[in-house]
Amino acid sequence: MSSLEIFQFAVKQLAYISAPLIVFTAIMYSDRIIHEIFAIVYKTRKALPR
């Protein structure tokens, strides 16, 4: 195995490990953002008189 092949293998392994973590953090972060948006919408709707 050449150093280039080893490097490519290492990059692939890193991608397999990091991809689920990135997806997980993205889901967690988007969930928080959605909650924030809902909170803002709820507050503004309560503030506005019907």
PDB file of N, CA and C in Angstrom:
ATOM      1  N   MET A   1       0.845  -1.202   0.000  1.00  0.00           N
ATOM      2  CA  MET A   1       0.000   0.000   0.000  1.00  0.00           C
ATOM      3  C   MET A   1       0.882   1.256   0.000  1.00  0.00           C
ATOM      4  N   SER A   2       0.601   2.150  -0.901  1.00  0.00           N
ATOM      5  CA  SER A   2       1.358   3.403  -0.950  1.00  0.00           C
ATOM      6  C   SER A   2       0.798   4.391   0.079  1.00  0.00           C
ATOM      7  N   SER A   3       1.542   5.442   0.331  1.00  0.00           N
ATOM      8  CA  SER A   3       1.117   6.447   1.317  1.00  0.00           C
ATOM      9  C   SER A   3      -0.176   7.118   0.860  1.00  0.00           C
ATOM     10  N   LEU A   4      -0.358   7.265  -0.446  1.00  0.00           N
ATOM     11  CA  LEU A   4      -1.567   7.890  -0.984  1.00  0.00           C
ATOM     12  C   LEU A   4      -2.788   7.022  -0.686  1.00  0.00           C
ATOM     13  N   GLU A   5      -2.636   5.703  -0.877  1.00  0.00           N
ATOM     14  CA  GLU A   5      -3.745   4.772  -0.593  1.00  0.00           C
ATOM     15  C   GLU A   5      -4.094   4.796   0.887  1.00  0.00           C
ATOM     16  N   ILE A   6      -3.076   4.839   1.732  1.00  0.00           N
ATOM     17  CA  ILE A   6      -3.301   4.900   3.185  1.00  0.00           C
ATOM     18  C   ILE A   6      -4.042   6.186   3.542  1.00  0.00           C
ATOM     19  N   PHE A   7      -3.626   7.286   2.925  1.00  0.00           N
ATOM     20  CA  PHE A   7      -4.263   8.587   3.168  1.00  0.00           C
ATOM     21  C   PHE A   7      -5.739   8.555   2.761  1.00  0.00           C
ATOM     22  N   GLN A   8      -6.019   8.003   1.566  1.00  0.00           N
ATOM     23  CA  GLN A   8      -7.403   7.903   1.073  1.00  0.00           C
ATOM     24  C   GLN A   8      -8.241   7.031   2.003  1.00  0.00           C
ATOM     25  N   PHE A   9      -7.646   5.922   2.486  1.00  0.00           N
ATOM     26  CA  PHE A   9      -8.344   5.033   3.413  1.00  0.00           C
ATOM     27  C   PHE A   9      -8.671   5.766   4.712  1.00  0.00           C
ATOM     28  N   ALA A  10      -7.701   6.533   5.222  1.00  0.00           N
ATOM     29  CA  ALA A  10      -7.901   7.290   6.462  1.00  0.00           C
ATOM     30  C   ALA A  10      -9.008   8.326   6.294  1.00  0.00           C
ATOM     31  N   VAL A  11      -9.018   9.005   5.144  1.00  0.00           N
ATOM     32  CA  VAL A  11     -10.049  10.017   4.865  1.00  0.00           C
ATOM     33  C   VAL A  11     -11.429   9.367   4.829  1.00  0.00           C
ATOM     34  N   LYS A  12     -11.501   8.181   4.183  1.00  0.00           N
ATOM     35  CA  LYS A  12     -12.784   7.455   4.111  1.00  0.00           C
ATOM     36  C   LYS A  12     -13.264   7.085   5.511  1.00  0.00           C
ATOM     37  N   GLN A  13     -12.372   6.557   6.344  1.00  0.00           N
ATOM     38  CA  GLN A  13     -12.721   6.174   7.717  1.00  0.00           C
ATOM     39  C   GLN A  13     -13.206   7.391   8.495  1.00  0.00           C
ATOM     40  N   LEU A  14     -12.512   8.514   8.334  1.00  0.00           N
ATOM     41  CA  LEU A  14     -12.880   9.751   9.021  1.00  0.00           C
ATOM     42  C   LEU A  14     -14.264  10.213   8.582  1.00  0.00           C
ATOM     43  N   ALA A  15     -14.533  10.109   7.277  1.00  0.00           N
ATOM     44  CA  ALA A  15     -15.834  10.521   6.738  1.00  0.00           C
ATOM     45  C   ALA A  15     -16.956   9.662   7.318  1.00  0.00           C
ATOM     46  N   TYR A  16     -16.706   8.338   7.391  1.00  0.00           N
ATOM     47  CA  TYR A  16     -17.716   7.425   7.941  1.00  0.00           C
ATOM     48  C   TYR A  16     -18.011   7.747   9.401  1.00  0.00           C
ATOM     49  N   ILE A  17     -16.980   8.161  10.150  1.00  0.00           N
ATOM     50  CA  ILE A  17     -17.160   8.470  11.578  1.00  0.00           C
ATOM     51  C   ILE A  17     -17.831   9.831  11.749  1.00  0.00           C
ATOM     52  N   SER A  18     -17.366  10.833  10.989  1.00  0.00           N
ATOM     53  CA  SER A  18     -17.822  12.206  11.195  1.00  0.00           C
ATOM     54  C   SER A  18     -19.196  12.476  10.586  1.00  0.00           C
ATOM     55  N   ALA A  19     -19.550  11.794   9.515  1.00  0.00           N
ATOM     56  CA  ALA A  19     -20.831  12.049   8.834  1.00  0.00           C
ATOM     57  C   ALA A  19     -22.032  11.907   9.778  1.00  0.00           C
ATOM     58  N   PRO A  20     -22.163  10.792  10.527  1.00  0.00           N
ATOM     59  CA  PRO A  20     -23.303  10.680  11.448  1.00  0.00           C
ATOM     60  C   PRO A  20     -23.291  11.758  12.528  1.00  0.00           C
ATOM     61  N   LEU A  21     -22.096  12.128  12.992  1.00  0.00           N
ATOM     62  CA  LEU A  21     -21.993  13.177  14.017  1.00  0.00           C
ATOM     63  C   LEU A  21     -22.481  14.510  13.471  1.00  0.00           C
ATOM     64  N   ILE A  22     -22.086  14.826  12.237  1.00  0.00           N
ATOM     65  CA  ILE A  22     -22.506  16.079  11.595  1.00  0.00           C
ATOM     66  C   ILE A  22     -24.026  16.085  11.423  1.00  0.00           C
ATOM     67  N   VAL A  23     -24.569  14.970  10.953  1.00  0.00           N
ATOM     68  CA  VAL A  23     -26.028  14.844  10.759  1.00  0.00           C
ATOM     69  C   VAL A  23     -26.746  15.005  12.095  1.00  0.00           C
ATOM     70  N   PHE A  24     -26.222  14.339  13.130  1.00  0.00           N
ATOM     71  CA  PHE A  24     -26.835  14.385  14.461  1.00  0.00           C
ATOM     72  C   PHE A  24     -26.856  15.812  15.002  1.00  0.00           C
ATOM     73  N   THR A  25     -25.698  16.501  14.908  1.00  0.00           N
ATOM     74  CA  THR A  25     -25.626  17.875  15.421  1.00  0.00           C
ATOM     75  C   THR A  25     -26.532  18.799  14.602  1.00  0.00           C
ATOM     76  N   ALA A  26     -26.612  18.564  13.297  1.00  0.00           N
ATOM     77  CA  ALA A  26     -27.480  19.379  12.440  1.00  0.00           C
ATOM     78  C   ALA A  26     -28.934  19.212  12.845  1.00  0.00           C
ATOM     79  N   ILE A  27     -29.351  17.967  13.126  1.00  0.00           N
ATOM     80  CA  ILE A  27     -30.730  17.691  13.545  1.00  0.00           C
ATOM     81  C   ILE A  27     -30.998  18.363  14.894  1.00  0.00           C
ATOM     82  N   MET A  28     -30.054  18.217  15.828  1.00  0.00           N
ATOM     83  CA  MET A  28     -30.216  18.807  17.156  1.00  0.00           C
ATOM     84  C   MET A  28     -30.330  20.329  17.040  1.00  0.00           C
ATOM     85  N   TYR A  29     -29.463  20.921  16.205  1.00  0.00           N
ATOM     86  CA  TYR A  29     -29.422  22.369  16.066  1.00  0.00           C
ATOM     87  C   TYR A  29     -30.686  22.887  15.379  1.00  0.00           C
ATOM     88  N   SER A  30     -31.131  22.195  14.325  1.00  0.00           N
ATOM     89  CA  SER A  30     -32.333  22.612  13.603  1.00  0.00           C
ATOM     90  C   SER A  30     -33.556  22.494  14.510  1.00  0.00           C
ATOM     91  N   ASP A  31     -33.567  21.476  15.369  1.00  0.00           N
ATOM     92  CA  ASP A  31     -34.665  21.287  16.316  1.00  0.00           C
ATOM     93  C   ASP A  31     -34.754  22.492  17.249  1.00  0.00           C
ATOM     94  N   ARG A  32     -33.598  22.955  17.717  1.00  0.00           N
ATOM     95  CA  ARG A  32     -33.550  24.122  18.605  1.00  0.00           C
ATOM     96  C   ARG A  32     -34.011  25.366  17.873  1.00  0.00           C
ATOM     97  N   ILE A  33     -33.573  25.514  16.622  1.00  0.00           N
ATOM     98  CA  ILE A  33     -33.962  26.677  15.812  1.00  0.00           C
ATOM     99  C   ILE A  33     -35.478  26.679  15.601  1.00  0.00           C
ATOM    100  N   ILE A  34     -36.044  25.501  15.299  1.00  0.00           N
ATOM    101  CA  ILE A  34     -37.496  25.382  15.087  1.00  0.00           C
ATOM    102  C   ILE A  34     -38.232  25.784  16.367  1.00  0.00           C
ATOM    103  N   HIS A  35     -37.731  25.329  17.519  1.00  0.00           N
ATOM    104  CA  HIS A  35     -38.342  25.679  18.809  1.00  0.00           C
ATOM    105  C   HIS A  35     -38.300  27.199  19.022  1.00  0.00           C
ATOM    106  N   GLU A  36     -37.159  27.808  18.692  1.00  0.00           N
ATOM    107  CA  GLU A  36     -37.014  29.264  18.835  1.00  0.00           C
ATOM    108  C   GLU A  36     -38.023  29.991  17.960  1.00  0.00           C
ATOM    109  N   ILE A  37     -38.145  29.541  16.700  1.00  0.00           N
ATOM    110  CA  ILE A  37     -39.076  30.174  15.749  1.00  0.00           C
ATOM    111  C   ILE A  37     -40.512  30.055  16.267  1.00  0.00           C
ATOM    112  N   PHE A  38     -40.868  28.847  16.744  1.00  0.00           N
ATOM    113  CA  PHE A  38     -42.218  28.633  17.274  1.00  0.00           C
ATOM    114  C   PHE A  38     -42.484  29.534  18.467  1.00  0.00           C
ATOM    115  N   ALA A  39     -41.474  29.687  19.336  1.00  0.00           N
ATOM    116  CA  ALA A  39     -41.611  30.543  20.522  1.00  0.00           C
ATOM    117  C   ALA A  39     -41.847  31.997  20.113  1.00  0.00           C
ATOM    118  N   ILE A  40     -41.074  32.468  19.129  1.00  0.00           N
ATOM    119  CA  ILE A  40     -41.205  33.856  18.648  1.00  0.00           C
ATOM    120  C   ILE A  40     -42.587  34.061  18.033  1.00  0.00           C
ATOM    121  N   VAL A  41     -43.013  33.117  17.186  1.00  0.00           N
ATOM    122  CA  VAL A  41     -44.329  33.204  16.536  1.00  0.00           C
ATOM    123  C   VAL A  41     -45.436  33.211  17.588  1.00  0.00           C
ATOM    124  N   TYR A  42     -45.303  32.336  18.596  1.00  0.00           N
ATOM    125  CA  TYR A  42     -46.301  32.238  19.662  1.00  0.00           C
ATOM    126  C   TYR A  42     -46.393  33.551  20.448  1.00  0.00           C
ATOM    127  N   LYS A  43     -45.227  34.132  20.754  1.00  0.00           N
ATOM    128  CA  LYS A  43     -45.192  35.400  21.506  1.00  0.00           C
ATOM    129  C   LYS A  43     -45.827  36.520  20.698  1.00  0.00           C
ATOM    130  N   THR A  44     -45.464  36.620  19.415  1.00  0.00           N
ATOM    131  CA  THR A  44     -45.987  37.697  18.581  1.00  0.00           C
ATOM    132  C   THR A  44     -47.501  37.536  18.374  1.00  0.00           C
ATOM    133  N   ARG A  45     -47.957  36.292  18.270  1.00  0.00           N
ATOM    134  CA  ARG A  45     -49.406  36.054  18.100  1.00  0.00           C
ATOM    135  C   ARG A  45     -50.153  36.401  19.377  1.00  0.00           C
ATOM    136  N   LYS A  46     -49.530  36.132  20.527  1.00  0.00           N
ATOM    137  CA  LYS A  46     -50.166  36.487  21.807  1.00  0.00           C
ATOM    138  C   LYS A  46     -50.174  37.999  22.001  1.00  0.00           C
ATOM    139  N   ALA A  47     -49.095  38.662  21.545  1.00  0.00           N
ATOM    140  CA  ALA A  47     -48.979  40.113  21.708  1.00  0.00           C
ATOM    141  C   ALA A  47     -49.989  40.854  20.830  1.00  0.00           C
ATOM    142  N   LEU A  48     -50.238  40.335  19.633  1.00  0.00           N
ATOM    143  CA  LEU A  48     -51.169  40.994  18.715  1.00  0.00           C
ATOM    144  C   LEU A  48     -52.611  40.757  19.172  1.00  0.00           C
ATOM    145  N   PRO A  49     -53.375  41.843  19.335  1.00  0.00           N
ATOM    146  CA  PRO A  49     -54.784  41.648  19.715  1.00  0.00           C
ATOM    147  C   PRO A  49     -55.609  41.163  18.530  1.00  0.00           C
ATOM    148  N   ARG A  50     -56.467  40.212  18.815  1.00  0.00           N
ATOM    149  CA  ARG A  50     -57.313  39.639  17.745  1.00  0.00           C
ATOM    150  C   ARG A  50     -58.537  40.543  17.539  1.00  0.00           C
TER     151      ARG A  50
END
